[in-house]
Amino acid sequence: MRATSVGHAGILIDTVDGSILCDPWFLPAFFGSWFVFPRNDQLPAELMERIEHPTFLYISHLHADHLDEAWLANHVDRSTRVLIPGFPTRELERKIRSFGFDNIIRTNDGEELALGPNLRIAIHVETSITDGPGGDSALVVSDGTARLVNQNDCRTDDLDALRAHGRVDLHWLQYSGAIWYPMVYEETPQRMRELVDAKVTSQFARAMRYVEAIGAKAVVPSAGPPAFLDPELFRFNVITGDELSIFPDQRSFLERLAAAGHQGVLAIPGTAIDITTDSITVTHPIPDDSVAEIFDHKAEYLRHYQADWMPWLTDMHRGWALPSTDLLATLKAWWEPLLAMAPTLRKAIGDRCLLRAGDLDVIIDFAFGEVREYIGENYGFRFEIQRELVETVVAQGAVDWSNALFLSCRFRAWRAGPFNEYLYNFFKSLSPERMRRTEAEAMRRLDPNRDELAGEEIRIGDYIVQRLCPHRLADLSVFGEIDDDQLVCTLHGWRFDLETGRCVNADDRKLRVRRADN
């Protein structure tokens, strides 16, 4: 097996039965805030030819540094077979199909699937409320010569699941920041230093837990950090280590791995890692001294990179939508029906949020489910965002502002109390499909009357089933789908035989089910 870095979380995995292209990202993401680091816009033609003609394509999730819509729309052979994680919604599949890919292979959470005589894969899905309804996923690849775990930035809560397929040779995982917190928040420099240091420490600690649990022969730090080339954001690059930023680069985590006795591998775009049962061989696309210069002289490297992309950045800024006359009315018509769908979510947020879009101040009143102009009332959360950016994501109808806007770090934020995951999940769920699932998950976690639903039965297709999934009490009226002769709870991927109620994921769970009398 050979794994070649494509940059960031991107990997081209060559196996005895074909290749798998994972998360190819080439064009700047999040309003031109994130660029691939080290840069991957100068890869050799031979490698690009292989990248654009894989046997299989795997996209881990919907975020723009993993799903590069602009690039995929014009690259990658459309006959490529696409591996789709078993997410709760079909958003990713719909997006992939919109690019012209029709050879779709749907997978089930954690289940091994044979793609060839020797090639087997398993895709593990994470769909917690923090991930939003879109979810995240990790890939396990085995071809008889080696086993690779591509965790990217999937924060699975089952530390053993990824190694359950057998001994792991190479483990790719995120270690650096992929969030806007705390940099966009209003804090003193001293407090910001404390928050940044604590966040980096927690990122490294979480990554090390995965490293220890999976126990691979070697670990490749990946899926970050991005490079920030826009002059407005250049301060987020960690160069000296004194920057107030949560984006340390690969060598920082390699030091942590070495100190704990683990073999780490530094991969830049084009680095090929050959894996056998006996050895791991690393071949960089440039001399080792040149690789070291990227990190030893990082500021100079980034300035050259920035100069090459400044014309693109200038044009990108000019392309943002101009202020309209009906932004408030548009938000009100869009969001108030969604708020009406989510009383449990609104209660969990528990305060007003002020959205300051340039000269327009909008209050989202979660208690009353209203969106209106701000008239001086108290609020517990505030976002200050350039008007043109808000206009742009509204014009796009972006259903996930975490992906479409917040990850750009092009805003300021304030909150009166602690972090509220339900507020951000509102902004990740700006469609009826997403909000329906988000409210159901909030009810599962928070509704004090939840036990009253335990005895209820509902109809799904030709079957009468208990309303709550016997796994984690997900509402099957929302999350239940029939797939051939099985009922699937799409929140966590648990499957039940419709004739017997037997759970195929575990022996100690059974679904109450019977055929409906038509």
Protein backbone atom coordinates (compact mmCIF):
# COMPACT_ATOMS: atom_id res chain seq x y z
CA MET A 1 0.00 0.00 0.00
CA ARG A 2 1.15 3.51 -0.76
CA ALA A 3 -0.37 6.67 0.76
CA THR A 4 0.52 9.93 -0.97
CA SER A 5 -0.32 13.24 0.66
CA VAL A 6 -2.47 15.51 -1.48
CA GLY A 7 -2.37 18.26 1.16
CA HIS A 8 -4.30 18.96 4.37
CA ALA A 9 -6.57 15.89 4.83
CA GLY A 10 -6.13 14.80 1.22
CA ILE A 11 -4.63 11.35 0.57
CA LEU A 12 -4.26 9.22 -2.54
CA ILE A 13 -4.20 5.61 -1.32
CA ASP A 14 -2.83 3.10 -3.86
CA THR A 15 -3.68 -0.54 -3.14
CA VAL A 16 -3.37 -3.83 -4.94
CA ASP A 17 -7.00 -3.47 -6.11
CA GLY A 18 -7.10 0.21 -7.08
CA SER A 19 -6.76 3.69 -5.63
CA ILE A 20 -8.87 5.75 -3.22
CA LEU A 21 -8.74 9.54 -3.38
CA CYS A 22 -9.64 11.06 0.00
CA ASP A 23 -10.74 14.66 0.60
CA PRO A 24 -8.90 16.45 -2.23
CA TRP A 25 -8.75 20.16 -1.39
CA PHE A 26 -6.96 22.60 -3.70
CA LEU A 27 -8.82 25.93 -3.89
CA PRO A 28 -8.99 28.39 -0.95
CA ALA A 29 -11.90 27.79 1.41
CA PHE A 30 -14.13 29.81 3.73
CA PHE A 31 -14.17 33.14 1.89
CA GLY A 32 -10.51 32.79 0.96
CA SER A 33 -9.43 32.49 4.58
CA TRP A 34 -7.95 28.98 4.47
CA PHE A 35 -5.21 27.84 2.09
CA VAL A 36 -3.54 24.43 2.03
CA PHE A 37 -0.30 24.33 4.05
CA PRO A 38 2.22 23.46 2.77
CA ARG A 39 0.94 24.53 -0.62
CA ASN A 40 -0.31 21.91 -3.08
CA ASP A 41 -0.84 24.11 -6.15
CA GLN A 42 2.47 23.00 -7.72
CA LEU A 43 2.18 19.21 -7.70
CA PRO A 44 3.77 17.36 -10.63
CA ALA A 45 1.58 16.54 -13.63
CA GLU A 46 2.02 12.79 -13.19
CA LEU A 47 0.65 12.91 -9.65
CA MET A 48 -2.23 15.20 -10.66
CA GLU A 49 -3.14 12.73 -13.42
CA ARG A 50 -3.43 9.95 -10.83
CA ILE A 51 -5.34 12.22 -8.44
CA GLU A 52 -7.88 13.06 -11.15
CA HIS A 53 -8.37 9.41 -12.18
CA PRO A 54 -8.78 7.34 -9.01
CA THR A 55 -10.71 4.10 -8.74
CA PHE A 56 -12.70 5.39 -5.76
CA LEU A 57 -13.42 8.82 -4.27
CA TYR A 58 -14.10 9.33 -0.56
CA ILE A 59 -15.30 12.63 0.92
CA SER A 60 -15.36 12.49 4.71
CA HIS A 61 -17.86 15.32 5.29
CA LEU A 62 -19.33 18.54 3.94
CA HIS A 63 -16.82 21.11 5.19
CA ALA A 64 -15.14 23.04 2.40
CA ASP A 65 -11.58 21.98 3.33
CA HIS A 66 -12.69 18.39 2.64
CA LEU A 67 -15.38 18.88 -0.01
CA ASP A 68 -13.81 21.26 -2.54
CA GLU A 69 -16.87 21.95 -4.67
CA ALA A 70 -15.20 24.28 -7.16
CA TRP A 71 -12.36 21.83 -7.81
CA LEU A 72 -14.47 18.66 -7.93
CA ALA A 73 -16.84 20.30 -10.40
CA ASN A 74 -14.03 20.42 -12.98
CA HIS A 75 -11.73 17.55 -12.00
CA VAL A 76 -11.86 13.82 -11.19
CA ASP A 77 -13.13 11.30 -13.73
CA ARG A 78 -16.93 11.09 -13.48
CA SER A 79 -16.81 7.30 -13.80
CA THR A 80 -15.06 7.14 -10.42
CA ARG A 81 -16.97 5.15 -7.82
CA VAL A 82 -17.83 7.36 -4.84
CA LEU A 83 -17.89 6.00 -1.28
CA ILE A 84 -20.66 7.70 0.70
CA PRO A 85 -20.64 7.54 4.52
CA GLY A 86 -23.87 6.40 6.19
CA PHE A 87 -24.87 9.89 7.32
CA PRO A 88 -28.31 10.73 8.76
CA THR A 89 -29.13 12.88 5.72
CA ARG A 90 -28.42 12.48 2.00
CA GLU A 91 -26.91 15.97 1.67
CA LEU A 92 -23.43 14.76 0.77
CA GLU A 93 -24.77 12.29 -1.78
CA ARG A 94 -26.95 14.96 -3.38
CA LYS A 95 -23.97 17.30 -3.58
CA ILE A 96 -21.76 14.63 -5.13
CA ARG A 97 -24.43 13.74 -7.67
CA SER A 98 -24.77 17.42 -8.60
CA PHE A 99 -21.17 17.29 -9.87
CA GLY A 100 -22.08 14.48 -12.26
CA PHE A 101 -20.99 11.46 -10.21
CA ASP A 102 -23.56 8.68 -10.51
CA ASN A 103 -21.55 5.61 -9.50
CA ILE A 104 -22.41 5.81 -5.80
CA ILE A 105 -21.57 3.21 -3.15
CA ARG A 106 -23.53 3.79 0.06
CA THR A 107 -21.90 2.35 3.18
CA ASN A 108 -23.16 1.45 6.64
CA ASP A 109 -21.54 2.86 9.74
CA GLY A 110 -18.56 0.74 10.78
CA GLU A 111 -19.35 -2.20 8.49
CA GLU A 112 -16.56 -3.62 6.36
CA LEU A 113 -17.17 -3.63 2.62
CA ALA A 114 -15.18 -5.52 -0.02
CA LEU A 115 -14.18 -3.34 -2.97
CA GLY A 116 -11.98 -5.96 -4.62
CA PRO A 117 -10.42 -9.38 -4.05
CA ASN A 118 -8.08 -7.93 -1.43
CA LEU A 119 -9.39 -4.42 -0.77
CA ARG A 120 -11.74 -3.85 2.16
CA ILE A 121 -12.91 -0.56 3.63
CA ALA A 122 -15.06 0.56 6.56
CA ILE A 123 -16.40 4.06 7.09
CA HIS A 124 -17.18 5.10 10.65
CA VAL A 125 -19.68 7.93 11.08
CA GLU A 126 -19.95 10.49 13.87
CA THR A 127 -23.21 12.46 14.11
CA SER A 128 -23.20 14.17 17.49
CA ILE A 129 -24.98 17.49 17.95
CA THR A 130 -21.56 19.19 17.90
CA ASP A 131 -20.93 17.89 14.37
CA GLY A 132 -24.30 19.11 13.23
CA PRO A 133 -26.75 17.04 11.17
CA GLY A 134 -24.21 16.71 8.36
CA GLY A 135 -21.90 14.55 10.46
CA ASP A 136 -18.25 13.56 9.99
CA SER A 137 -16.56 10.26 9.18
CA ALA A 138 -13.32 8.27 9.21
CA LEU A 139 -12.06 5.63 6.78
CA VAL A 140 -10.29 2.32 7.42
CA VAL A 141 -8.54 0.74 4.40
CA SER A 142 -7.07 -2.78 4.27
CA ASP A 143 -5.61 -4.53 1.21
CA GLY A 144 -3.84 -7.55 2.64
CA THR A 145 -0.48 -5.78 2.67
CA ALA A 146 -1.27 -3.03 5.18
CA ARG A 147 -4.05 -1.24 7.04
CA LEU A 148 -4.52 2.55 7.09
CA VAL A 149 -6.83 4.61 9.28
CA ASN A 150 -7.75 7.99 7.80
CA GLN A 151 -9.35 9.73 10.76
CA ASN A 152 -8.93 13.27 9.36
CA ASP A 153 -10.87 15.45 11.87
CA CYS A 154 -13.55 12.94 12.85
CA ARG A 155 -13.95 13.02 16.64
CA THR A 156 -15.34 9.56 17.17
CA ASP A 157 -16.54 8.84 20.69
CA ASP A 158 -15.62 5.16 20.35
CA LEU A 159 -11.86 5.02 20.78
CA ASP A 160 -11.72 1.32 19.93
CA ALA A 161 -13.91 1.26 16.83
CA LEU A 162 -11.24 2.26 14.32
CA ARG A 163 -8.81 -0.43 15.45
CA ALA A 164 -11.44 -3.18 15.66
CA HIS A 165 -10.66 -4.17 12.07
CA GLY A 166 -7.15 -5.32 13.01
CA ARG A 167 -3.67 -4.00 13.61
CA VAL A 168 -3.13 -0.53 12.11
CA ASP A 169 0.02 0.36 10.22
CA LEU A 170 -0.54 4.05 9.41
CA HIS A 171 -2.83 6.51 11.19
CA TRP A 172 -3.62 9.93 9.67
CA LEU A 173 -5.35 12.35 12.04
CA GLN A 174 -6.03 15.97 12.83
CA TYR A 175 -4.11 17.56 15.69
CA SER A 176 -4.32 21.29 14.91
CA GLY A 177 -7.18 23.71 15.26
CA ALA A 178 -10.18 23.70 12.93
CA ILE A 179 -12.39 26.22 14.70
CA TRP A 180 -12.69 29.97 15.19
CA TYR A 181 -12.52 29.80 18.99
CA PRO A 182 -11.11 31.63 20.86
CA MET A 183 -9.49 34.02 18.39
CA VAL A 184 -12.66 35.83 17.30
CA TYR A 185 -13.92 36.46 20.84
CA GLU A 186 -13.51 39.74 22.69
CA GLU A 187 -10.87 39.10 25.36
CA THR A 188 -7.85 40.87 26.81
CA PRO A 189 -4.49 39.78 25.37
CA GLN A 190 -3.61 38.04 28.64
CA ARG A 191 -6.90 36.13 28.76
CA MET A 192 -6.63 35.29 25.06
CA ARG A 193 -3.18 33.84 25.67
CA GLU A 194 -4.62 31.60 28.38
CA LEU A 195 -7.50 30.48 26.18
CA VAL A 196 -5.30 29.79 23.16
CA ASP A 197 -2.79 27.78 25.19
CA ALA A 198 -5.59 25.78 26.81
CA LYS A 199 -7.19 25.06 23.42
CA VAL A 200 -3.91 23.87 21.87
CA THR A 201 -3.25 21.68 24.89
CA SER A 202 -6.71 20.12 24.63
CA GLN A 203 -6.31 19.57 20.86
CA PHE A 204 -3.01 17.75 21.36
CA ALA A 205 -4.40 15.74 24.28
CA ARG A 206 -7.43 14.61 22.26
CA ALA A 207 -5.24 13.61 19.32
CA MET A 208 -2.90 11.68 21.62
CA ARG A 209 -5.85 9.73 23.04
CA TYR A 210 -6.65 8.54 19.54
CA VAL A 211 -3.01 7.74 18.90
CA GLU A 212 -2.79 5.63 22.05
CA ALA A 213 -6.11 3.89 21.40
CA ILE A 214 -5.35 2.94 17.79
CA GLY A 215 -1.71 2.04 18.40
CA ALA A 216 -0.53 2.34 14.79
CA LYS A 217 3.05 1.69 13.75
CA ALA A 218 3.30 5.30 12.54
CA VAL A 219 1.21 8.45 12.74
CA VAL A 220 0.85 11.21 10.13
CA PRO A 221 -0.31 14.60 11.48
CA SER A 222 -2.79 15.89 8.90
CA ALA A 223 -5.95 17.94 8.29
CA GLY A 224 -4.24 21.14 9.38
CA PRO A 225 -3.16 23.73 9.94
CA PRO A 226 -4.38 25.93 7.11
CA ALA A 227 -2.33 28.87 5.91
CA PHE A 228 -3.89 32.32 6.28
CA LEU A 229 -2.71 34.42 3.34
CA ASP A 230 -5.23 37.27 3.41
CA PRO A 231 -3.43 40.21 5.08
CA GLU A 232 -6.45 40.66 7.37
CA LEU A 233 -5.91 37.15 8.78
CA PHE A 234 -2.16 36.59 8.46
CA ARG A 235 -1.77 36.92 12.24
CA PHE A 236 -3.44 33.50 12.67
CA ASN A 237 -0.40 31.72 11.21
CA VAL A 238 1.76 30.25 13.99
CA ILE A 239 5.33 31.17 13.02
CA THR A 240 7.26 32.02 16.20
CA GLY A 241 4.85 30.35 18.63
CA ASP A 242 3.89 33.64 20.26
CA GLU A 243 0.89 34.24 18.01
CA LEU A 244 -2.58 34.17 19.58
CA SER A 245 -3.68 31.29 17.40
CA ILE A 246 -4.70 27.64 17.80
CA PHE A 247 -3.03 26.55 14.54
CA PRO A 248 0.40 25.03 15.36
CA ASP A 249 2.00 23.17 12.46
CA GLN A 250 3.00 19.54 11.94
CA ARG A 251 6.37 19.67 13.63
CA SER A 252 4.82 20.75 16.94
CA PHE A 253 2.76 17.58 17.12
CA LEU A 254 5.61 15.42 15.84
CA GLU A 255 7.58 16.55 18.89
CA ARG A 256 4.70 15.42 21.12
CA LEU A 257 4.58 12.04 19.37
CA ALA A 258 8.33 11.52 19.72
CA ALA A 259 8.26 12.43 23.41
CA ALA A 260 5.62 9.74 23.96
CA GLY A 261 7.59 7.11 22.04
CA HIS A 262 5.50 7.08 18.85
CA GLN A 263 6.82 7.17 15.30
CA GLY A 264 5.59 10.26 13.51
CA VAL A 265 5.81 10.98 9.79
CA LEU A 266 6.05 14.49 8.36
CA ALA A 267 4.09 14.60 5.09
CA ILE A 268 3.91 17.53 2.71
CA PRO A 269 1.85 17.48 -0.51
CA GLY A 270 3.45 14.88 -2.75
CA THR A 271 5.06 12.86 0.06
CA ALA A 272 4.65 9.12 -0.63
CA ILE A 273 4.56 6.64 2.25
CA ASP A 274 5.03 3.00 1.26
CA ILE A 275 3.76 0.48 3.79
CA THR A 276 4.50 -3.22 3.98
CA THR A 277 4.14 -5.71 6.79
CA ASP A 278 7.77 -5.06 7.71
CA SER A 279 8.54 -1.45 6.88
CA ILE A 280 7.37 2.11 6.32
CA THR A 281 9.32 4.14 3.74
CA VAL A 282 8.86 7.89 3.29
CA THR A 283 9.76 9.69 0.05
CA HIS A 284 9.35 13.46 -0.17
CA PRO A 285 8.83 15.21 -3.53
CA ILE A 286 11.71 17.59 -2.75
CA PRO A 287 15.04 17.18 -0.90
CA ASP A 288 14.83 16.84 2.87
CA ASP A 289 16.66 20.17 3.33
CA SER A 290 13.98 21.90 1.25
CA VAL A 291 11.24 20.30 3.34
CA ALA A 292 12.90 21.63 6.50
CA GLU A 293 13.12 25.14 5.01
CA ILE A 294 9.31 25.31 4.77
CA PHE A 295 9.13 25.19 8.56
CA ASP A 296 12.49 26.75 9.49
CA HIS A 297 11.72 29.80 7.34
CA LYS A 298 7.96 29.68 7.54
CA ALA A 299 7.34 33.45 7.39
CA GLU A 300 9.32 33.75 4.17
CA TYR A 301 7.57 30.70 2.71
CA LEU A 302 4.13 32.12 3.53
CA ARG A 303 4.97 35.56 2.08
CA HIS A 304 5.99 34.01 -1.25
CA TYR A 305 2.83 31.91 -1.20
CA GLN A 306 0.77 35.00 -0.38
CA ALA A 307 2.27 37.02 -3.24
CA ASP A 308 1.27 34.34 -5.74
CA TRP A 309 -2.36 34.40 -4.57
CA MET A 310 -2.91 38.13 -3.89
CA PRO A 311 -4.57 38.79 -7.29
CA TRP A 312 -7.00 35.95 -6.56
CA LEU A 313 -7.71 37.32 -3.07
CA THR A 314 -8.36 40.80 -4.48
CA ASP A 315 -10.86 39.42 -7.00
CA MET A 316 -12.49 37.26 -4.32
CA HIS A 317 -13.16 40.28 -2.08
CA ARG A 318 -14.74 42.12 -5.01
CA GLY A 319 -17.11 39.21 -5.57
CA TRP A 320 -18.90 39.48 -2.21
CA ALA A 321 -22.56 40.48 -2.39
CA LEU A 322 -23.41 44.14 -1.94
CA PRO A 323 -25.85 45.28 0.77
CA SER A 324 -29.48 44.71 -0.16
CA THR A 325 -32.59 46.50 1.04
CA ASP A 326 -34.39 43.40 2.31
CA LEU A 327 -31.82 41.48 4.38
CA LEU A 328 -33.86 41.64 7.60
CA ALA A 329 -37.06 40.55 5.82
CA THR A 330 -35.21 37.68 4.15
CA LEU A 331 -33.76 36.43 7.45
CA LYS A 332 -37.13 36.72 9.14
CA ALA A 333 -38.93 34.74 6.42
CA TRP A 334 -36.17 32.12 6.39
CA TRP A 335 -35.48 31.64 10.09
CA GLU A 336 -38.79 32.10 11.90
CA PRO A 337 -40.36 28.92 10.42
CA LEU A 338 -37.22 27.04 11.49
CA LEU A 339 -37.45 28.48 15.01
CA ALA A 340 -41.07 27.33 15.16
CA MET A 341 -39.88 23.79 14.48
CA ALA A 342 -37.41 23.78 17.39
CA PRO A 343 -38.88 24.71 20.80
CA THR A 344 -36.48 22.40 22.67
CA LEU A 345 -33.45 23.83 20.88
CA ARG A 346 -34.63 27.38 21.55
CA LYS A 347 -35.08 26.65 25.25
CA ALA A 348 -31.58 25.15 25.41
CA ILE A 349 -30.14 28.37 23.93
CA GLY A 350 -32.07 30.37 26.49
CA ASP A 351 -31.20 33.92 25.44
CA ARG A 352 -31.29 36.43 22.61
CA CYS A 353 -28.56 36.65 19.99
CA LEU A 354 -27.59 39.92 18.32
CA LEU A 355 -26.38 39.61 14.73
CA ARG A 356 -24.64 42.86 13.82
CA ALA A 357 -24.24 42.90 10.03
CA GLY A 358 -22.53 46.19 9.33
CA ASP A 359 -25.14 48.89 9.92
CA LEU A 360 -27.98 46.41 10.42
CA ASP A 361 -28.62 45.00 13.91
CA VAL A 362 -30.81 41.88 14.00
CA ILE A 363 -32.09 40.17 17.14
CA ILE A 364 -32.81 36.45 17.12
CA ASP A 365 -35.19 36.06 20.06
CA PHE A 366 -35.09 32.35 20.81
CA ALA A 367 -37.64 32.55 23.63
CA PHE A 368 -40.33 33.93 21.32
CA GLY A 369 -39.08 32.43 18.06
CA GLU A 370 -38.76 35.83 16.42
CA VAL A 371 -36.27 37.58 14.14
CA ARG A 372 -36.55 41.38 14.27
CA GLU A 373 -34.60 44.60 14.24
CA TYR A 374 -32.65 45.29 17.45
CA ILE A 375 -34.20 47.99 19.65
CA GLY A 376 -31.80 47.95 22.59
CA GLU A 377 -32.97 44.87 24.52
CA ASN A 378 -30.53 42.68 26.45
CA TYR A 379 -28.88 39.72 24.76
CA GLY A 380 -26.53 36.92 25.76
CA PHE A 381 -24.69 36.38 22.47
CA ARG A 382 -23.36 38.70 19.78
CA PHE A 383 -21.85 38.22 16.32
CA GLU A 384 -20.35 41.13 14.39
CA ILE A 385 -19.94 40.25 10.72
CA GLN A 386 -19.20 42.34 7.65
CA ARG A 387 -22.49 43.08 5.89
CA GLU A 388 -21.22 41.81 2.53
CA LEU A 389 -20.37 38.39 4.04
CA VAL A 390 -23.82 38.00 5.56
CA GLU A 391 -25.41 39.06 2.28
CA THR A 392 -23.31 36.49 0.43
CA VAL A 393 -24.23 33.48 2.58
CA VAL A 394 -27.88 34.58 2.57
CA ALA A 395 -27.82 34.85 -1.21
CA GLN A 396 -26.31 31.35 -1.32
CA GLY A 397 -29.00 30.01 0.99
CA ALA A 398 -26.24 28.45 3.10
CA VAL A 399 -27.77 25.92 5.49
CA ASP A 400 -24.61 25.59 7.62
CA TRP A 401 -23.08 28.89 8.65
CA SER A 402 -20.35 27.08 10.54
CA ASN A 403 -19.04 25.90 7.17
CA ALA A 404 -20.16 28.82 5.05
CA LEU A 405 -19.08 31.66 7.36
CA PHE A 406 -17.77 31.02 10.88
CA LEU A 407 -14.76 28.92 9.89
CA SER A 408 -13.52 31.90 7.89
CA CYS A 409 -12.68 33.63 11.21
CA ARG A 410 -13.90 36.83 9.52
CA PHE A 411 -16.09 37.97 12.39
CA ARG A 412 -16.06 39.03 16.03
CA ALA A 413 -18.04 37.34 18.80
CA TRP A 414 -19.06 37.89 22.40
CA ARG A 415 -21.07 35.88 24.92
CA ALA A 416 -22.21 36.60 28.44
CA GLY A 417 -21.86 33.07 29.75
CA PRO A 418 -20.27 29.75 28.79
CA PHE A 419 -20.16 28.14 25.37
CA ASN A 420 -23.60 27.08 24.15
CA GLU A 421 -23.43 24.26 21.60
CA TYR A 422 -27.14 24.61 20.81
CA LEU A 423 -26.68 28.17 19.54
CA TYR A 424 -24.08 27.04 17.04
CA ASN A 425 -26.17 24.03 16.11
CA PHE A 426 -28.97 26.42 15.18
CA PHE A 427 -26.62 28.08 12.71
CA LYS A 428 -25.64 24.62 11.38
CA SER A 429 -29.27 23.67 10.77
CA LEU A 430 -30.79 26.34 8.55
CA SER A 431 -33.05 24.08 6.53
CA PRO A 432 -36.21 22.15 7.49
CA GLU A 433 -34.40 18.84 6.91
CA ARG A 434 -31.57 19.77 9.25
CA MET A 435 -33.68 21.54 11.85
CA ARG A 436 -36.06 18.61 12.13
CA ARG A 437 -33.18 16.33 13.07
CA THR A 438 -31.54 18.91 15.31
CA GLU A 439 -34.71 19.43 17.31
CA ALA A 440 -35.20 15.67 17.63
CA GLU A 441 -31.66 15.27 18.96
CA ALA A 442 -32.17 18.15 21.41
CA MET A 443 -35.37 16.48 22.63
CA ARG A 444 -33.56 13.18 23.05
CA ARG A 445 -31.01 14.83 25.28
CA LEU A 446 -33.10 17.40 27.13
CA ASP A 447 -36.85 16.72 27.08
CA PRO A 448 -37.96 15.83 30.66
CA ASN A 449 -41.09 14.18 29.25
CA ARG A 450 -39.09 11.84 27.07
CA ASP A 451 -40.10 8.74 29.04
CA GLU A 452 -43.71 9.30 28.01
CA LEU A 453 -42.77 8.32 24.46
CA ALA A 454 -41.29 4.96 25.49
CA GLY A 455 -44.54 3.05 24.99
CA GLU A 456 -45.68 4.84 21.84
CA GLU A 457 -45.79 3.12 18.46
CA ILE A 458 -45.59 4.71 15.03
CA ARG A 459 -46.03 3.57 11.44
CA ILE A 460 -43.07 3.55 9.04
CA GLY A 461 -43.96 2.17 5.63
CA ASP A 462 -45.78 -1.15 6.08
CA TYR A 463 -44.65 -1.63 9.69
CA ILE A 464 -45.69 -0.58 13.17
CA VAL A 465 -42.63 0.02 15.35
CA GLN A 466 -41.85 1.43 18.76
CA ARG A 467 -41.19 5.15 18.54
CA LEU A 468 -37.84 5.25 20.39
CA CYS A 469 -34.78 3.39 19.14
CA PRO A 470 -33.63 0.81 21.71
CA HIS A 471 -30.02 1.95 21.21
CA ARG A 472 -30.03 5.56 22.47
CA LEU A 473 -33.73 6.46 22.35
CA ALA A 474 -33.60 8.38 19.10
CA ASP A 475 -37.06 9.26 17.77
CA LEU A 476 -37.68 6.85 14.89
CA SER A 477 -40.44 9.08 13.53
CA VAL A 478 -37.54 11.37 12.58
CA PHE A 479 -34.54 9.06 12.28
CA GLY A 480 -36.15 5.78 11.17
CA GLU A 481 -35.86 4.66 7.53
CA ILE A 482 -36.62 1.35 5.85
CA ASP A 483 -33.78 -0.15 3.81
CA ASP A 484 -34.92 -3.38 2.10
CA ASP A 485 -35.76 -5.79 4.94
CA GLN A 486 -34.24 -3.66 7.70
CA LEU A 487 -35.18 -0.56 9.64
CA VAL A 488 -32.26 1.82 10.04
CA CYS A 489 -31.95 4.41 12.82
CA THR A 490 -30.02 7.01 10.88
CA LEU A 491 -28.87 8.91 13.97
CA HIS A 492 -26.23 6.31 14.83
CA GLY A 493 -26.66 3.72 12.06
CA TRP A 494 -28.27 0.92 14.09
CA ARG A 495 -30.15 -1.62 11.96
CA PHE A 496 -33.03 -3.96 12.86
CA ASP A 497 -34.53 -6.93 11.02
CA LEU A 498 -38.13 -5.96 10.24
CA GLU A 499 -39.49 -9.49 10.61
CA THR A 500 -37.89 -10.38 13.95
CA GLY A 501 -36.86 -7.02 15.45
CA ARG A 502 -33.35 -8.41 15.96
CA CYS A 503 -30.61 -5.78 16.02
CA VAL A 504 -27.80 -6.63 13.60
CA ASN A 505 -25.37 -4.33 15.45
CA ALA A 506 -25.72 -5.94 18.88
CA ASP A 507 -27.37 -8.91 20.57
CA ASP A 508 -28.87 -7.05 23.51
CA ARG A 509 -31.10 -4.62 21.60
CA LYS A 510 -34.43 -5.56 20.03
CA LEU A 511 -37.01 -3.49 18.22
CA ARG A 512 -40.70 -3.99 18.82
CA VAL A 513 -42.09 -4.33 15.29
CA ARG A 514 -45.01 -5.90 13.42
CA ARG A 515 -46.58 -5.62 10.03
CA ALA A 516 -49.35 -3.04 9.77
CA ASP A 517 -52.90 -4.12 9.02
CA ASN A 518 -53.68 -2.43 5.73
